[in-house]
Amino acid sequence: MPSPEDLADADHGITADRQEVKYRVDGDRLDELLAALTLRLPRHRFTGDGANGLPDPQHFVSTIYFDTPSRAFYRAACVDGAHNVKLRVREYYDLHPSLVELATDPSQIVRYQPWVWLELKTRDLDRATKQRVRLRKRDVPRFLASAEGADSAAESVDRDAAPSGGDEAALAIAETCRQAGEPLSASCLVNYRRFSWQTTDGALRITVDRELAFFAPPADLWQREQTFLRSTLGPVRGRDAGGLVEIKHRTALPAWVDQTLAAVAARAVSFSKFVASSAAVGGP
């Protein structure tokens, strides 16, 4: 069995630089796909600092995207979806429905870490790179506000972050903020349930996202102590039916991947959560 350190290295490798392709699968074929992937690959689960050790969690992701008042990032992504930059914050949380009968408070069935990941994702055709830093939620506005001075921005970084965090990523994110030429703020939020599988060497990761819902960022976004639970995010501005499959790989894909996708009638797409949520919240 690989050690936690080996798993962390594998996570860093597939996160930092990889080829990435996406597919759409209809809702009535999703269970078939999930079962097929589970037979082929180990389920992937976060094992780092603050990891949730309880069995059988339901994994969820809340992603907050940033844009300028002129919506420069959104418009650039609409013009050229194959070459673009996204700045986002991600928070991961788990639900444990099996604990409902034992819980005396709804918060007892939720598990999450006391930080978020600020990420810069750059796409060039099917090649994607991601740099990220770990921050306390309340420090996100301070990081962005200090981006014109890269050294002060780096000071907001959690020094105990995973290997993919640190000064280099902080400086790259700060440089992107400066190049935007306008102030950046949260523009939209996406919440979805995630299923994930990964090889032990980190060469291949497959995720399936379902139940996508789009929201305007709540006014108290960065003051919240609790996680961005879907039920606390306000009115749903839009939904996306079916499932989104993302395949991230650093080596050639094995033949069984294409065979599995063909069996569930998966369709290659260039779908962007950022573009979809921006359009749902701010209009086209």
Protein backbone atom coordinates (compact mmCIF):
# COMPACT_ATOMS: atom_id res chain seq x y z
CA MET A 1 0.00 0.00 0.00
CA PRO A 2 1.44 3.43 -0.92
CA SER A 3 2.37 5.74 1.93
CA PRO A 4 0.64 9.09 2.51
CA GLU A 5 3.81 10.78 1.23
CA ASP A 6 3.68 8.76 -1.99
CA LEU A 7 0.02 9.65 -2.45
CA ALA A 8 0.78 13.33 -1.89
CA ASP A 9 3.53 13.22 -4.53
CA ALA A 10 1.17 11.49 -6.96
CA ASP A 11 -1.50 14.12 -6.32
CA HIS A 12 1.00 16.90 -6.92
CA GLY A 13 2.16 15.39 -10.21
CA ILE A 14 -1.29 15.01 -11.73
CA THR A 15 -2.39 18.40 -10.36
CA ALA A 16 0.52 20.52 -11.54
CA ASP A 17 0.77 19.62 -15.24
CA ARG A 18 -1.32 17.20 -17.26
CA GLN A 19 -3.31 16.59 -20.41
CA GLU A 20 -7.01 17.05 -19.81
CA VAL A 21 -10.06 15.99 -21.82
CA LYS A 22 -13.76 16.19 -20.94
CA TYR A 23 -16.82 14.14 -21.79
CA ARG A 24 -20.54 14.44 -21.21
CA VAL A 25 -22.57 11.44 -20.03
CA ASP A 26 -26.37 11.38 -19.79
CA GLY A 27 -27.83 11.05 -16.31
CA ASP A 28 -29.34 7.62 -16.92
CA ARG A 29 -25.90 6.17 -17.81
CA LEU A 30 -23.97 7.64 -14.87
CA ASP A 31 -24.42 4.75 -12.44
CA GLU A 32 -23.18 2.36 -15.12
CA LEU A 33 -20.10 4.51 -15.66
CA LEU A 34 -19.36 4.85 -11.93
CA ALA A 35 -19.53 1.07 -11.50
CA ALA A 36 -17.23 0.46 -14.48
CA LEU A 37 -14.61 2.93 -13.26
CA THR A 38 -14.65 1.45 -9.76
CA LEU A 39 -13.78 -1.94 -11.23
CA ARG A 40 -10.80 -0.48 -13.07
CA LEU A 41 -9.25 2.12 -10.76
CA PRO A 42 -8.73 2.79 -7.05
CA ARG A 43 -11.05 5.42 -5.64
CA HIS A 44 -9.19 8.63 -4.93
CA ARG A 45 -9.54 10.33 -1.57
CA PHE A 46 -7.71 13.19 0.08
CA THR A 47 -5.25 11.84 2.67
CA GLY A 48 -3.35 14.96 3.70
CA ASP A 49 -3.53 17.21 6.72
CA GLY A 50 -7.08 17.42 8.08
CA ALA A 51 -8.34 14.50 5.98
CA ASN A 52 -11.69 12.98 6.83
CA GLY A 53 -11.21 9.38 7.96
CA LEU A 54 -14.86 8.40 8.30
CA PRO A 55 -16.10 5.69 5.90
CA ASP A 56 -18.36 6.11 2.86
CA PRO A 57 -18.43 9.89 2.47
CA GLN A 58 -20.20 11.77 -0.29
CA HIS A 59 -17.64 14.22 -1.71
CA PHE A 60 -18.69 17.74 -2.74
CA VAL A 61 -16.82 20.69 -4.22
CA SER A 62 -17.63 24.39 -4.13
CA THR A 63 -15.68 26.46 -6.66
CA ILE A 64 -15.72 30.25 -6.61
CA TYR A 65 -14.51 31.97 -9.79
CA PHE A 66 -13.05 35.46 -9.99
CA ASP A 67 -13.45 38.04 -12.72
CA THR A 68 -13.05 41.76 -13.37
CA PRO A 69 -15.92 44.30 -13.56
CA SER A 70 -15.70 44.10 -17.38
CA ARG A 71 -15.85 40.27 -17.17
CA ALA A 72 -12.51 40.03 -18.97
CA PHE A 73 -11.80 36.41 -17.99
CA TYR A 74 -15.29 35.26 -19.00
CA ARG A 75 -15.15 37.00 -22.37
CA ALA A 76 -11.68 35.63 -23.08
CA ALA A 77 -12.86 32.09 -22.29
CA CYS A 78 -15.85 32.52 -24.61
CA VAL A 79 -13.64 33.72 -27.46
CA ASP A 80 -11.02 30.97 -27.08
CA GLY A 81 -11.93 28.06 -24.84
CA ALA A 82 -8.73 26.23 -25.75
CA HIS A 83 -6.40 28.96 -24.46
CA ASN A 84 -7.43 30.74 -21.30
CA VAL A 85 -6.71 31.49 -17.66
CA LYS A 86 -9.01 30.98 -14.68
CA LEU A 87 -8.60 32.18 -11.13
CA ARG A 88 -10.70 30.33 -8.56
CA VAL A 89 -11.06 29.24 -4.97
CA ARG A 90 -11.96 25.65 -4.19
CA GLU A 91 -13.33 24.16 -1.01
CA TYR A 92 -13.96 20.46 -0.50
CA TYR A 93 -16.39 18.92 1.97
CA ASP A 94 -17.92 15.54 2.74
CA LEU A 95 -21.44 14.58 3.73
CA HIS A 96 -22.20 11.46 5.77
CA PRO A 97 -25.89 10.58 5.35
CA SER A 98 -25.31 7.41 7.40
CA LEU A 99 -24.85 9.62 10.46
CA VAL A 100 -28.23 11.35 10.15
CA GLU A 101 -29.94 9.17 12.75
CA LEU A 102 -27.11 9.73 15.24
CA ALA A 103 -26.64 13.45 14.68
CA THR A 104 -28.19 16.00 17.03
CA ASP A 105 -27.19 18.89 14.74
CA PRO A 106 -27.01 18.99 10.89
CA SER A 107 -23.38 20.13 11.05
CA GLN A 108 -22.43 16.76 12.54
CA ILE A 109 -22.85 14.99 9.20
CA VAL A 110 -20.50 17.44 7.44
CA ARG A 111 -16.69 17.21 7.40
CA TYR A 112 -14.36 19.83 5.90
CA GLN A 113 -10.91 21.42 6.30
CA PRO A 114 -10.47 24.92 7.79
CA TRP A 115 -8.90 26.33 4.61
CA VAL A 116 -9.50 26.80 0.90
CA TRP A 117 -7.30 26.50 -2.19
CA LEU A 118 -6.69 29.57 -4.36
CA GLU A 119 -5.85 28.22 -7.81
CA LEU A 120 -4.54 29.59 -11.08
CA LYS A 121 -5.41 27.28 -13.96
CA THR A 122 -3.95 27.80 -17.42
CA ARG A 123 -5.18 25.88 -20.46
CA ASP A 124 -3.31 25.50 -23.76
CA LEU A 125 -5.32 23.15 -26.00
CA ASP A 126 -5.49 19.86 -24.07
CA ARG A 127 -2.60 20.76 -21.76
CA ALA A 128 -3.58 22.19 -18.38
CA THR A 129 -1.35 23.46 -15.60
CA LYS A 130 -2.48 24.45 -12.14
CA GLN A 131 -0.72 26.36 -9.39
CA ARG A 132 -2.36 26.74 -6.02
CA VAL A 133 -1.86 28.03 -2.53
CA ARG A 134 -3.67 27.15 0.66
CA LEU A 135 -5.31 30.02 2.53
CA ARG A 136 -7.66 30.62 5.36
CA LYS A 137 -10.97 31.71 3.90
CA ARG A 138 -10.85 35.13 5.53
CA ASP A 139 -7.40 35.80 4.02
CA VAL A 140 -8.53 35.50 0.39
CA PRO A 141 -9.58 39.19 0.04
CA ARG A 142 -6.31 40.31 1.65
CA PHE A 143 -4.30 38.19 -0.78
CA LEU A 144 -6.08 39.65 -3.80
CA ALA A 145 -5.89 43.20 -2.45
CA SER A 146 -2.14 42.89 -1.94
CA ALA A 147 -1.50 41.34 -5.35
CA GLU A 148 0.14 44.51 -6.65
CA GLY A 149 2.94 43.74 -4.19
CA ALA A 150 3.87 40.10 -4.75
CA ASP A 151 5.88 39.82 -1.53
CA SER A 152 2.95 40.90 0.62
CA ALA A 153 0.64 38.54 -1.25
CA ALA A 154 2.94 35.63 -0.51
CA GLU A 155 2.72 36.40 3.19
CA SER A 156 -0.92 35.24 3.18
CA VAL A 157 0.05 31.71 2.17
CA ASP A 158 -0.32 28.90 4.67
CA ARG A 159 3.25 27.76 5.30
CA ASP A 160 1.99 24.27 6.15
CA ALA A 161 0.32 23.90 2.76
CA ALA A 162 0.65 20.77 0.63
CA PRO A 163 3.61 20.58 -1.81
CA SER A 164 1.62 22.33 -4.56
CA GLY A 165 1.35 25.49 -2.45
CA GLY A 166 4.03 28.05 -1.71
CA ASP A 167 5.70 31.27 -2.73
CA GLU A 168 6.17 30.34 -6.40
CA ALA A 169 2.46 29.76 -6.90
CA ALA A 170 1.61 32.85 -4.85
CA LEU A 171 3.82 35.00 -7.07
CA ALA A 172 2.28 33.55 -10.25
CA ILE A 173 -1.23 34.24 -8.98
CA ALA A 174 -0.27 37.76 -7.92
CA GLU A 175 1.21 38.44 -11.36
CA THR A 176 -2.04 37.33 -13.02
CA CYS A 177 -3.97 39.69 -10.74
CA ARG A 178 -1.74 42.59 -11.73
CA GLN A 179 -1.95 41.80 -15.44
CA ALA A 180 -5.75 41.87 -15.27
CA GLY A 181 -5.56 45.65 -14.98
CA GLU A 182 -8.82 45.74 -13.03
CA PRO A 183 -9.82 44.67 -9.52
CA LEU A 184 -10.81 41.03 -9.19
CA SER A 185 -13.73 39.76 -7.15
CA ALA A 186 -15.85 36.63 -6.83
CA SER A 187 -18.21 36.48 -9.82
CA CYS A 188 -19.97 33.12 -9.56
CA LEU A 189 -20.00 29.86 -7.61
CA VAL A 190 -20.48 26.24 -8.68
CA ASN A 191 -21.36 23.41 -6.30
CA TYR A 192 -21.31 19.76 -7.36
CA ARG A 193 -20.87 16.21 -6.15
CA ARG A 194 -17.59 14.61 -7.22
CA PHE A 195 -16.53 10.99 -7.76
CA SER A 196 -12.80 10.44 -8.27
CA TRP A 197 -10.41 7.65 -9.18
CA GLN A 198 -6.62 7.74 -9.54
CA THR A 199 -3.75 5.36 -10.24
CA THR A 200 -1.29 5.01 -7.37
CA ASP A 201 1.48 6.66 -9.41
CA GLY A 202 -0.68 9.68 -10.20
CA ALA A 203 -0.38 9.20 -13.97
CA LEU A 204 -4.16 9.00 -14.48
CA ARG A 205 -7.06 10.59 -12.64
CA ILE A 206 -10.69 10.38 -13.70
CA THR A 207 -13.38 12.49 -12.06
CA VAL A 208 -17.13 12.50 -12.59
CA ASP A 209 -19.04 15.60 -11.47
CA ARG A 210 -22.81 15.52 -11.19
CA GLU A 211 -25.59 17.66 -9.72
CA LEU A 212 -23.93 20.89 -10.89
CA ALA A 213 -25.65 23.99 -9.54
CA PHE A 214 -24.70 27.63 -10.14
CA PHE A 215 -24.99 30.47 -7.61
CA ALA A 216 -24.19 34.14 -7.18
CA PRO A 217 -21.50 34.52 -4.49
CA PRO A 218 -23.12 35.17 -1.07
CA ALA A 219 -22.35 38.55 0.49
CA ASP A 220 -20.66 36.92 3.50
CA LEU A 221 -18.55 34.62 1.34
CA TRP A 222 -15.20 35.19 3.07
CA GLN A 223 -16.55 35.72 6.58
CA ARG A 224 -18.11 32.28 6.89
CA GLU A 225 -16.64 29.90 9.41
CA GLN A 226 -18.63 26.96 8.03
CA THR A 227 -18.18 25.28 4.67
CA PHE A 228 -19.97 26.44 1.51
CA LEU A 229 -22.75 23.90 1.92
CA ARG A 230 -25.19 23.97 -1.02
CA SER A 231 -28.21 24.60 1.19
CA THR A 232 -26.60 27.84 2.47
CA LEU A 233 -25.73 29.39 -0.90
CA GLY A 234 -29.04 31.07 -1.71
CA PRO A 235 -31.15 30.81 -4.88
CA VAL A 236 -29.93 28.46 -7.60
CA ARG A 237 -29.25 30.48 -10.76
CA GLY A 238 -28.89 27.44 -13.00
CA ARG A 239 -28.33 23.70 -13.11
CA ASP A 240 -26.61 21.28 -15.43
CA ALA A 241 -28.13 17.86 -15.97
CA GLY A 242 -26.12 14.72 -16.54
CA GLY A 243 -22.48 14.19 -15.64
CA LEU A 244 -19.18 15.77 -16.60
CA VAL A 245 -16.24 13.38 -16.95
CA GLU A 246 -12.74 14.86 -16.75
CA ILE A 247 -9.75 12.70 -17.62
CA LYS A 248 -6.38 14.02 -16.49
CA HIS A 249 -3.32 12.06 -17.57
CA ARG A 250 0.45 12.39 -17.86
CA THR A 251 1.02 9.27 -20.00
CA ALA A 252 -0.83 7.58 -22.84
CA LEU A 253 -4.38 6.55 -21.94
CA PRO A 254 -5.00 2.80 -21.64
CA ALA A 255 -7.37 1.33 -24.23
CA TRP A 256 -9.99 0.46 -21.62
CA VAL A 257 -10.71 4.15 -20.99
CA ASP A 258 -12.02 4.73 -24.52
CA GLN A 259 -13.91 1.42 -24.38
CA THR A 260 -15.59 2.36 -21.10
CA LEU A 261 -16.60 5.79 -22.39
CA ALA A 262 -17.98 4.33 -25.61
CA ALA A 263 -20.07 1.82 -23.64
CA VAL A 264 -21.97 4.64 -21.92
CA ALA A 265 -22.22 6.82 -25.06
CA ALA A 266 -19.95 9.53 -23.65
CA ARG A 267 -19.49 12.59 -25.88
CA ALA A 268 -16.32 14.69 -26.01
CA VAL A 269 -17.05 18.30 -25.02
CA SER A 270 -15.25 21.55 -24.26
CA PHE A 271 -17.59 22.39 -21.37
CA SER A 272 -16.36 24.99 -18.88
CA LYS A 273 -17.87 25.30 -15.41
CA PHE A 274 -16.62 28.88 -15.32
CA VAL A 275 -18.32 29.86 -18.57
CA ALA A 276 -21.56 28.07 -17.68
CA SER A 277 -21.77 29.57 -14.20
CA SER A 278 -20.77 33.05 -15.40
CA ALA A 279 -23.52 32.99 -18.01
CA ALA A 280 -26.07 31.70 -15.49
CA VAL A 281 -25.25 34.43 -12.95
CA GLY A 282 -24.24 37.40 -15.10
CA GLY A 283 -25.86 36.69 -18.46
CA PRO A 284 -24.16 35.99 -21.79
